[in-house]
C-alpha atoms as a PDB file:
ATOM      1  CA  MET A   1     119.521 154.378  95.167  1.00  0.00           C
ATOM      2  CA  ALA A   2     122.452 152.373  93.868  1.00  0.00           C
ATOM      3  CA  PHE A   3     125.922 154.055  93.911  1.00  0.00           C
ATOM      4  CA  GLU A   4     126.969 155.041  90.396  1.00  0.00           C
ATOM      5  CA  LYS A   5     130.577 154.695  89.328  1.00  0.00           C
ATOM      6  CA  VAL A   6     131.700 157.603  87.119  1.00  0.00           C
ATOM      7  CA  THR A   7     134.854 155.582  86.476  1.00  0.00           C
ATOM      8  CA  GLU A   8     132.883 152.823  84.827  1.00  0.00           C
ATOM      9  CA  GLU A   9     130.895 154.902  82.543  1.00  0.00           C
ATOM     10  CA  PRO A  10     131.341 154.222  78.783  1.00  0.00           C
ATOM     11  CA  SER A  11     134.187 155.971  76.962  1.00  0.00           C
ATOM     12  CA  ARG A  12     133.568 159.122  75.033  1.00  0.00           C
ATOM     13  CA  TYR A  13     135.209 157.355  72.174  1.00  0.00           C
ATOM     14  CA  HIS A  14     134.218 154.606  69.993  1.00  0.00           C
ATOM     15  CA  ASP A  15     135.799 152.093  67.491  1.00  0.00           C
ATOM     16  CA  LEU A  16     139.356 152.410  69.006  1.00  0.00           C
ATOM     17  CA  GLU A  17     140.480 149.466  67.104  1.00  0.00           C
ATOM     18  CA  LYS A  18     139.760 151.430  63.792  1.00  0.00           C
ATOM     19  CA  MET A  19     141.804 154.434  64.849  1.00  0.00           C
ATOM     20  CA  SER A  20     145.361 155.149  63.726  1.00  0.00           C
ATOM     21  CA  ILE A  21     148.067 155.191  66.250  1.00  0.00           C
ATOM     22  CA  GLN A  22     148.290 158.931  65.995  1.00  0.00           C
ATOM     23  CA  GLU A  23     144.580 159.244  66.696  1.00  0.00           C
ATOM     24  CA  ILE A  24     144.823 157.031  69.667  1.00  0.00           C
ATOM     25  CA  LEU A  25     147.764 158.934  71.118  1.00  0.00           C
ATOM     26  CA  THR A  26     146.272 162.249  70.472  1.00  0.00           C
ATOM     27  CA  LEU A  27     142.927 161.431  72.044  1.00  0.00           C
ATOM     28  CA  MET A  28     144.596 159.814  74.948  1.00  0.00           C
ATOM     29  CA  ASN A  29     146.646 162.913  75.563  1.00  0.00           C
ATOM     30  CA  ARG A  30     143.565 165.079  75.279  1.00  0.00           C
ATOM     31  CA  GLU A  31     141.923 163.122  77.967  1.00  0.00           C
ATOM     32  CA  ASP A  32     145.162 163.063  80.254  1.00  0.00           C
ATOM     33  CA  ARG A  33     145.054 166.815  80.123  1.00  0.00           C
ATOM     34  CA  THR A  34     141.891 166.940  82.088  1.00  0.00           C
ATOM     35  CA  VAL A  35     143.461 165.176  85.120  1.00  0.00           C
ATOM     36  CA  PRO A  36     145.408 168.027  86.624  1.00  0.00           C
ATOM     37  CA  GLU A  37     142.359 170.252  86.431  1.00  0.00           C
ATOM     38  CA  ALA A  38     140.429 167.642  88.476  1.00  0.00           C
ATOM     39  CA  VAL A  39     143.163 167.406  90.982  1.00  0.00           C
ATOM     40  CA  GLU A  40     143.226 171.202  91.289  1.00  0.00           C
ATOM     41  CA  LYS A  41     139.724 171.097  92.402  1.00  0.00           C
ATOM     42  CA  ALA A  42     140.596 168.742  95.141  1.00  0.00           C
ATOM     43  CA  ILE A  43     143.456 170.863  96.665  1.00  0.00           C
ATOM     44  CA  PRO A  44     141.366 171.947  99.638  1.00  0.00           C
ATOM     45  CA  GLN A  45     140.821 168.327 100.544  1.00  0.00           C
ATOM     46  CA  ILE A  46     144.470 167.417  99.829  1.00  0.00           C
ATOM     47  CA  GLU A  47     145.532 170.311 102.060  1.00  0.00           C
ATOM     48  CA  LYS A  48     143.533 169.191 105.165  1.00  0.00           C
ATOM     49  CA  LEU A  49     144.802 165.574 105.019  1.00  0.00           C
ATOM     50  CA  THR A  50     148.404 166.711 104.320  1.00  0.00           C
ATOM     51  CA  SER A  51     148.322 168.959 107.338  1.00  0.00           C
ATOM     52  CA  VAL A  52     147.123 166.198 109.545  1.00  0.00           C
ATOM     53  CA  ILE A  53     149.770 163.801 108.232  1.00  0.00           C
ATOM     54  CA  THR A  54     152.610 166.436 108.969  1.00  0.00           C
ATOM     55  CA  ASP A  55     151.484 166.902 112.494  1.00  0.00           C
ATOM     56  CA  LYS A  56     151.268 163.132 113.125  1.00  0.00           C
ATOM     57  CA  MET A  57     154.697 162.371 111.693  1.00  0.00           C
ATOM     58  CA  LEU A  58     156.280 165.290 113.566  1.00  0.00           C
ATOM     59  CA  ALA A  59     154.757 163.676 116.731  1.00  0.00           C
ATOM     60  CA  GLY A  60     156.444 160.317 115.768  1.00  0.00           C
ATOM     61  CA  GLY A  61     153.591 158.681 113.730  1.00  0.00           C
ATOM     62  CA  ARG A  62     153.790 156.850 110.417  1.00  0.00           C
ATOM     63  CA  LEU A  63     151.952 157.125 107.168  1.00  0.00           C
ATOM     64  CA  PHE A  64     150.210 153.921 105.667  1.00  0.00           C
ATOM     65  CA  TYR A  65     148.844 153.561 102.085  1.00  0.00           C
ATOM     66  CA  ILE A  66     146.526 150.688 101.606  1.00  0.00           C
ATOM     67  CA  GLY A  67     144.869 149.669  98.454  1.00  0.00           C
ATOM     68  CA  ALA A  68     144.404 146.794  95.728  1.00  0.00           C
ATOM     69  CA  GLY A  69     145.542 146.222  92.176  1.00  0.00           C
ATOM     70  CA  THR A  70     146.695 149.535  90.577  1.00  0.00           C
ATOM     71  CA  SER A  71     145.805 151.651  93.456  1.00  0.00           C
ATOM     72  CA  GLY A  72     147.786 149.390  95.847  1.00  0.00           C
ATOM     73  CA  ARG A  73     150.830 149.376  93.518  1.00  0.00           C
ATOM     74  CA  LEU A  74     150.845 153.288  93.444  1.00  0.00           C
ATOM     75  CA  GLY A  75     150.813 153.404  97.117  1.00  0.00           C
ATOM     76  CA  VAL A  76     153.739 150.904  97.348  1.00  0.00           C
ATOM     77  CA  LEU A  77     155.564 152.914  94.753  1.00  0.00           C
ATOM     78  CA  ASP A  78     155.298 156.241  96.485  1.00  0.00           C
ATOM     79  CA  ALA A  79     156.202 154.688  99.865  1.00  0.00           C
ATOM     80  CA  SER A  80     159.263 153.047  98.273  1.00  0.00           C
ATOM     81  CA  GLU A  81     160.577 156.205  96.816  1.00  0.00           C
ATOM     82  CA  ILE A  82     160.701 158.134 100.048  1.00  0.00           C
ATOM     83  CA  PRO A  83     163.727 156.577 101.720  1.00  0.00           C
ATOM     84  CA  PRO A  84     166.214 157.163  98.863  1.00  0.00           C
ATOM     85  CA  THR A  85     164.743 160.471  97.939  1.00  0.00           C
ATOM     86  CA  TYR A  86     164.578 162.020 101.379  1.00  0.00           C
ATOM     87  CA  GLY A  87     166.852 159.783 103.495  1.00  0.00           C
ATOM     88  CA  MET A  88     163.953 158.490 105.588  1.00  0.00           C
ATOM     89  CA  PRO A  89     163.802 155.195 107.364  1.00  0.00           C
ATOM     90  CA  PHE A  90     161.840 152.434 105.410  1.00  0.00           C
ATOM     91  CA  ASP A  91     159.310 152.021 108.238  1.00  0.00           C
ATOM     92  CA  LEU A  92     157.860 155.445 108.251  1.00  0.00           C
ATOM     93  CA  ILE A  93     155.668 155.584 105.056  1.00  0.00           C
ATOM     94  CA  ILE A  94     154.468 152.003 104.369  1.00  0.00           C
ATOM     95  CA  GLY A  95     152.516 150.755 101.277  1.00  0.00           C
ATOM     96  CA  VAL A  96     150.159 147.764 101.910  1.00  0.00           C
ATOM     97  CA  ILE A  97     148.673 145.950  98.955  1.00  0.00           C
ATOM     98  CA  ALA A  98     145.865 143.364  98.952  1.00  0.00           C
ATOM     99  CA  GLY A  99     147.530 139.961  98.156  1.00  0.00           C
ATOM    100  CA  GLY A 100     151.005 141.006  99.616  1.00  0.00           C
ATOM    101  CA  GLU A 101     154.178 141.562  97.847  1.00  0.00           C
ATOM    102  CA  GLU A 102     153.428 138.979  95.069  1.00  0.00           C
ATOM    103  CA  ALA A 103     150.428 141.305  93.951  1.00  0.00           C
ATOM    104  CA  ILE A 104     152.884 144.077  93.099  1.00  0.00           C
ATOM    105  CA  ARG A 105     153.852 142.033  90.032  1.00  0.00           C
ATOM    106  CA  LYS A 106     150.865 140.053  89.172  1.00  0.00           C
ATOM    107  CA  PRO A 107     147.174 139.892  90.173  1.00  0.00           C
ATOM    108  CA  ILE A 108     146.097 137.995  93.134  1.00  0.00           C
ATOM    109  CA  GLU A 109     142.633 136.566  92.508  1.00  0.00           C
ATOM    110  CA  ASN A 110     139.868 137.756  94.774  1.00  0.00           C
ATOM    111  CA  ALA A 111     142.423 139.543  97.110  1.00  0.00           C
ATOM    112  CA  GLU A 112     140.621 142.811  96.901  1.00  0.00           C
ATOM    113  CA  ASP A 113     137.229 141.282  97.937  1.00  0.00           C
ATOM    114  CA  ASP A 114     138.290 140.206 101.383  1.00  0.00           C
ATOM    115  CA  SER A 115     136.819 142.806 103.692  1.00  0.00           C
ATOM    116  CA  GLU A 116     138.625 141.396 106.784  1.00  0.00           C
ATOM    117  CA  GLN A 117     142.158 141.084 105.401  1.00  0.00           C
ATOM    118  CA  GLY A 118     142.846 144.925 105.071  1.00  0.00           C
ATOM    119  CA  TRP A 119     142.602 145.559 108.701  1.00  0.00           C
ATOM    120  CA  ALA A 120     144.566 142.260 109.417  1.00  0.00           C
ATOM    121  CA  ASP A 121     147.355 143.435 107.170  1.00  0.00           C
ATOM    122  CA  LEU A 122     147.657 146.735 108.979  1.00  0.00           C
ATOM    123  CA  GLU A 123     147.640 145.064 112.303  1.00  0.00           C
ATOM    124  CA  LYS A 124     150.922 143.350 111.458  1.00  0.00           C
ATOM    125  CA  TYR A 125     152.553 146.574 111.728  1.00  0.00           C
ATOM    126  CA  ASP A 126     151.188 147.413 115.165  1.00  0.00           C
ATOM    127  CA  ILE A 127     149.316 150.321 113.885  1.00  0.00           C
ATOM    128  CA  ASN A 128     148.081 152.715 116.514  1.00  0.00           C
ATOM    129  CA  GLU A 129     146.469 156.193 117.019  1.00  0.00           C
ATOM    130  CA  LYS A 130     149.760 157.962 116.203  1.00  0.00           C
ATOM    131  CA  ASP A 131     149.496 156.834 112.618  1.00  0.00           C
ATOM    132  CA  VAL A 132     147.583 157.918 109.567  1.00  0.00           C
ATOM    133  CA  VAL A 133     146.163 155.528 106.848  1.00  0.00           C
ATOM    134  CA  ILE A 134     145.215 156.500 103.427  1.00  0.00           C
ATOM    135  CA  GLY A 135     142.854 154.141 101.493  1.00  0.00           C
ATOM    136  CA  ILE A 136     143.502 154.190  97.812  1.00  0.00           C
ATOM    137  CA  ALA A 137     140.699 153.052  95.571  1.00  0.00           C
ATOM    138  CA  ALA A 138     139.744 154.443  92.072  1.00  0.00           C
ATOM    139  CA  SER A 139     136.135 152.982  92.441  1.00  0.00           C
ATOM    140  CA  GLY A 140     135.867 153.830  96.135  1.00  0.00           C
ATOM    141  CA  THR A 141     134.186 150.421  96.668  1.00  0.00           C
ATOM    142  CA  THR A 142     137.032 148.070  97.194  1.00  0.00           C
ATOM    143  CA  PRO A 143     136.117 145.736 100.177  1.00  0.00           C
ATOM    144  CA  TYR A 144     139.653 145.269 101.240  1.00  0.00           C
ATOM    145  CA  VAL A 145     140.084 149.066 101.595  1.00  0.00           C
ATOM    146  CA  ILE A 146     136.618 149.599 103.292  1.00  0.00           C
ATOM    147  CA  GLY A 147     137.463 147.019 105.853  1.00  0.00           C
ATOM    148  CA  ALA A 148     140.675 148.424 106.661  1.00  0.00           C
ATOM    149  CA  MET A 149     139.118 152.006 107.033  1.00  0.00           C
ATOM    150  CA  ARG A 150     136.515 150.639 109.466  1.00  0.00           C
ATOM    151  CA  GLY A 151     139.098 148.949 111.483  1.00  0.00           C
ATOM    152  CA  CYS A 152     141.045 152.214 111.682  1.00  0.00           C
ATOM    153  CA  ARG A 153     137.910 154.019 112.800  1.00  0.00           C
ATOM    154  CA  GLU A 154     137.179 151.516 115.573  1.00  0.00           C
ATOM    155  CA  GLY A 155     140.913 151.937 116.696  1.00  0.00           C
ATOM    156  CA  GLY A 156     140.765 155.614 116.741  1.00  0.00           C
ATOM    157  CA  ILE A 157     143.283 155.951 113.802  1.00  0.00           C
ATOM    158  CA  VAL A 158     143.013 158.898 111.471  1.00  0.00           C
ATOM    159  CA  THR A 159     142.024 158.020 107.846  1.00  0.00           C
ATOM    160  CA  GLY A 160     142.110 159.658 104.530  1.00  0.00           C
ATOM    161  CA  CYS A 161     141.368 158.290 101.000  1.00  0.00           C
ATOM    162  CA  ILE A 162     142.035 158.904  97.450  1.00  0.00           C
ATOM    163  CA  VAL A 163     139.006 158.000  95.236  1.00  0.00           C
ATOM    164  CA  CYS A 164     137.826 158.898  91.752  1.00  0.00           C
ATOM    165  CA  ASN A 165     134.070 158.648  92.202  1.00  0.00           C
ATOM    166  CA  PRO A 166     131.956 161.190  94.164  1.00  0.00           C
ATOM    167  CA  GLY A 167     130.150 160.001  97.341  1.00  0.00           C
ATOM    168  CA  SER A 168     131.839 156.500  97.512  1.00  0.00           C
ATOM    169  CA  PRO A 169     131.693 153.917 100.332  1.00  0.00           C
ATOM    170  CA  VAL A 170     135.506 154.492 100.945  1.00  0.00           C
ATOM    171  CA  ALA A 171     135.004 158.142 101.255  1.00  0.00           C
ATOM    172  CA  ALA A 172     132.222 157.649 103.703  1.00  0.00           C
ATOM    173  CA  GLU A 173     134.563 155.776 105.882  1.00  0.00           C
ATOM    174  CA  ALA A 174     137.396 158.353 105.703  1.00  0.00           C
ATOM    175  CA  ASP A 175     137.963 161.239 108.170  1.00  0.00           C
ATOM    176  CA  TYR A 176     139.590 163.250 105.347  1.00  0.00           C
ATOM    177  CA  PRO A 177     138.372 162.023 101.978  1.00  0.00           C
ATOM    178  CA  ILE A 178     140.094 163.228  98.649  1.00  0.00           C
ATOM    179  CA  GLU A 179     137.689 162.851  95.620  1.00  0.00           C
ATOM    180  CA  VAL A 180     139.352 163.410  92.321  1.00  0.00           C
ATOM    181  CA  VAL A 181     136.518 162.880  89.771  1.00  0.00           C
ATOM    182  CA  VAL A 182     138.272 162.488  86.331  1.00  0.00           C
ATOM    183  CA  GLY A 183     135.220 161.050  84.432  1.00  0.00           C
ATOM    184  CA  PRO A 184     134.975 158.084  82.105  1.00  0.00           C
ATOM    185  CA  GLU A 185     138.212 156.384  81.046  1.00  0.00           C
ATOM    186  CA  PHE A 186     139.584 156.335  77.399  1.00  0.00           C
ATOM    187  CA  VAL A 187     139.125 152.548  77.514  1.00  0.00           C
ATOM    188  CA  THR A 188     135.971 152.021  79.327  1.00  0.00           C
ATOM    189  CA  GLY A 189     136.662 151.054  83.026  1.00  0.00           C
ATOM    190  CA  SER A 190     140.434 151.017  82.718  1.00  0.00           C
ATOM    191  CA  THR A 191     141.147 152.906  85.868  1.00  0.00           C
ATOM    192  CA  ARG A 192     144.892 152.358  85.447  1.00  0.00           C
ATOM    193  CA  MET A 193     144.616 155.342  82.949  1.00  0.00           C
ATOM    194  CA  LYS A 194     143.247 158.724  84.091  1.00  0.00           C
ATOM    195  CA  SER A 195     142.187 157.541  87.604  1.00  0.00           C
ATOM    196  CA  GLY A 196     145.681 156.059  88.178  1.00  0.00           C
ATOM    197  CA  THR A 197     147.377 159.323  86.919  1.00  0.00           C
ATOM    198  CA  ALA A 198     145.238 161.383  89.258  1.00  0.00           C
ATOM    199  CA  GLN A 199     146.103 159.084  92.329  1.00  0.00           C
ATOM    200  CA  LYS A 200     149.836 159.217  91.463  1.00  0.00           C
ATOM    201  CA  LEU A 201     149.673 163.107  91.201  1.00  0.00           C
ATOM    202  CA  VAL A 202     147.892 163.317  94.632  1.00  0.00           C
ATOM    203  CA  LEU A 203     150.304 160.854  96.268  1.00  0.00           C
ATOM    204  CA  ASN A 204     153.325 162.997  94.879  1.00  0.00           C
ATOM    205  CA  MET A 205     151.667 166.086  96.274  1.00  0.00           C
ATOM    206  CA  ILE A 206     151.016 164.554  99.782  1.00  0.00           C
ATOM    207  CA  SER A 207     154.404 162.850 100.282  1.00  0.00           C
ATOM    208  CA  THR A 208     156.511 165.750  98.843  1.00  0.00           C
ATOM    209  CA  THR A 209     154.662 168.348 100.888  1.00  0.00           C
ATOM    210  CA  VAL A 210     155.025 166.363 104.016  1.00  0.00           C
ATOM    211  CA  MET A 211     158.790 165.820 103.512  1.00  0.00           C
ATOM    212  CA  ILE A 212     159.189 169.682 102.998  1.00  0.00           C
ATOM    213  CA  GLN A 213     157.141 170.327 105.978  1.00  0.00           C
ATOM    214  CA  ILE A 214     159.216 168.087 108.306  1.00  0.00           C
ATOM    215  CA  GLY A 215     162.562 169.385 107.180  1.00  0.00           C
ATOM    216  CA  ARG A 216     163.819 167.022 104.677  1.00  0.00           C
ATOM    217  CA  VAL A 217     164.163 169.696 101.878  1.00  0.00           C
ATOM    218  CA  GLU A 218     166.303 172.862 102.155  1.00  0.00           C
ATOM    219  CA  ASP A 219     165.609 175.712  99.595  1.00  0.00           C
ATOM    220  CA  ASN A 220     164.500 173.373  96.689  1.00  0.00           C
ATOM    221  CA  LYS A 221     167.045 170.582  97.123  1.00  0.00           C
ATOM    222  CA  MET A 222     166.814 166.958  98.487  1.00  0.00           C
ATOM    223  CA  VAL A 223     169.671 167.540 101.037  1.00  0.00           C
ATOM    224  CA  ASN A 224     169.005 164.138 102.723  1.00  0.00           C
ATOM    225  CA  MET A 225     168.915 161.972  99.702  1.00  0.00           C
ATOM    226  CA  GLN A 226     170.784 158.545  99.857  1.00  0.00           C
ATOM    227  CA  LEU A 227     173.913 158.360  97.854  1.00  0.00           C
ATOM    228  CA  THR A 228     173.063 155.057  96.188  1.00  0.00           C
ATOM    229  CA  ASN A 229     174.490 155.621  92.625  1.00  0.00           C
ATOM    230  CA  SER A 230     176.868 157.787  90.766  1.00  0.00           C
ATOM    231  CA  LYS A 231     174.026 160.160  89.393  1.00  0.00           C
ATOM    232  CA  LEU A 232     173.066 160.980  92.954  1.00  0.00           C
ATOM    233  CA  VAL A 233     176.650 161.339  94.157  1.00  0.00           C
ATOM    234  CA  ASP A 234     177.366 163.775  91.259  1.00  0.00           C
ATOM    235  CA  ARG A 235     174.096 165.704  92.147  1.00  0.00           C
ATOM    236  CA  GLY A 236     175.041 165.813  95.792  1.00  0.00           C
ATOM    237  CA  THR A 237     178.557 167.015  94.940  1.00  0.00           C
ATOM    238  CA  LYS A 238     177.249 169.928  92.985  1.00  0.00           C
ATOM    239  CA  MET A 239     174.950 170.794  95.708  1.00  0.00           C
ATOM    240  CA  VAL A 240     177.761 170.698  98.306  1.00  0.00           C
ATOM    241  CA  MET A 241     179.844 172.931  96.056  1.00  0.00           C
ATOM    242  CA  GLU A 242     176.925 175.392  95.769  1.00  0.00           C
ATOM    243  CA  GLY A 243     176.115 175.218  99.544  1.00  0.00           C
ATOM    244  CA  THR A 244     179.722 175.622 100.673  1.00  0.00           C
ATOM    245  CA  GLY A 245     181.539 177.673  98.069  1.00  0.00           C
ATOM    246  CA  LEU A 246     183.953 174.913  97.285  1.00  0.00           C
ATOM    247  CA  THR A 247     185.223 175.102  93.710  1.00  0.00           C
ATOM    248  CA  ASP A 248     187.136 171.761  93.638  1.00  0.00           C
ATOM    249  CA  TYR A 249     184.630 169.044  92.517  1.00  0.00           C
ATOM    250  CA  GLU A 250     186.893 166.095  93.931  1.00  0.00           C
ATOM    251  CA  LYS A 251     187.199 167.858  97.356  1.00  0.00           C
ATOM    252  CA  ALA A 252     183.516 168.387  97.493  1.00  0.00           C
ATOM    253  CA  LYS A 253     182.719 164.923  96.448  1.00  0.00           C
ATOM    254  CA  ALA A 254     185.107 163.604  99.188  1.00  0.00           C
ATOM    255  CA  LEU A 255     183.445 165.751 101.852  1.00  0.00           C
ATOM    256  CA  LEU A 256     179.990 164.517 100.678  1.00  0.00           C
ATOM    257  CA  LEU A 257     181.015 160.893 100.895  1.00  0.00           C
ATOM    258  CA  LYS A 258     182.622 161.291 104.204  1.00  0.00           C
ATOM    259  CA  SER A 259     179.574 163.093 105.696  1.00  0.00           C
ATOM    260  CA  GLY A 260     176.992 160.809 104.078  1.00  0.00           C
ATOM    261  CA  SER A 261     174.479 163.529 103.074  1.00  0.00           C
ATOM    262  CA  VAL A 262     174.444 166.872 101.469  1.00  0.00           C
ATOM    263  CA  LYS A 263     173.019 168.348 104.724  1.00  0.00           C
ATOM    264  CA  LYS A 264     175.779 167.099 106.926  1.00  0.00           C
ATOM    265  CA  ALA A 265     178.510 167.956 104.426  1.00  0.00           C
ATOM    266  CA  ILE A 266     177.350 171.547 104.240  1.00  0.00           C
ATOM    267  CA  GLU A 267     176.848 171.841 107.983  1.00  0.00           C
ATOM    268  CA  SER A 268     180.496 170.485 108.555  1.00  0.00           C
ATOM    269  CA  CYS A 269     181.915 173.488 106.884  1.00  0.00           C
END
């Protein structure tokens, strides 16, 4: 029996070009509201994978995201946000996309169809059994991702996935599959929409929870964030004032800049 892609089923809506702007926006919003409900159903799957990632990272491992097109870009995005937000080194959470960095900005023809390149791209990072790899593919059929997952299995590397079709080939290759079935897209087959939103939500949940679990958040604050702009310095200064009892903004700011992070500034008092 052929694998059926829910993500490719016809849209529930017709004659989109005849709709008013308000109608289009209202109906898109209606569809988008179903995504968190689909993600909620997958929380048990998300929990299992997140627990494994936490244990691996605490033991010195890394987390890799690998995907093509929109899915690959979302992985690269999540990975790139971790260092400035949580003060983590850039080589601990890594996003790998079919076609390389150029594919982040424009499509690379046939890159996702190469079933050998995914594993080859991971090997460039000396990937090993300490690491975890998450394959991201809305369809769950991307050859680039499937090949990477199979290479991981042969190498004894733990894998997870984020897909939006049930019973997909990618999920079959994963140790910890996450299936968020959001149904047909507003524009038929445009998985940058609900599927992409679902993947982004799950990535947020995984990486944020891992960062909390490994000690990069205290109370509800990003105490290890990098002080890369005036907004973050201001936010950090106020966090230092709250954490130390300092009432002088400039003194708190000076302490923060001298220490390099909110956590170190508070600990120095």
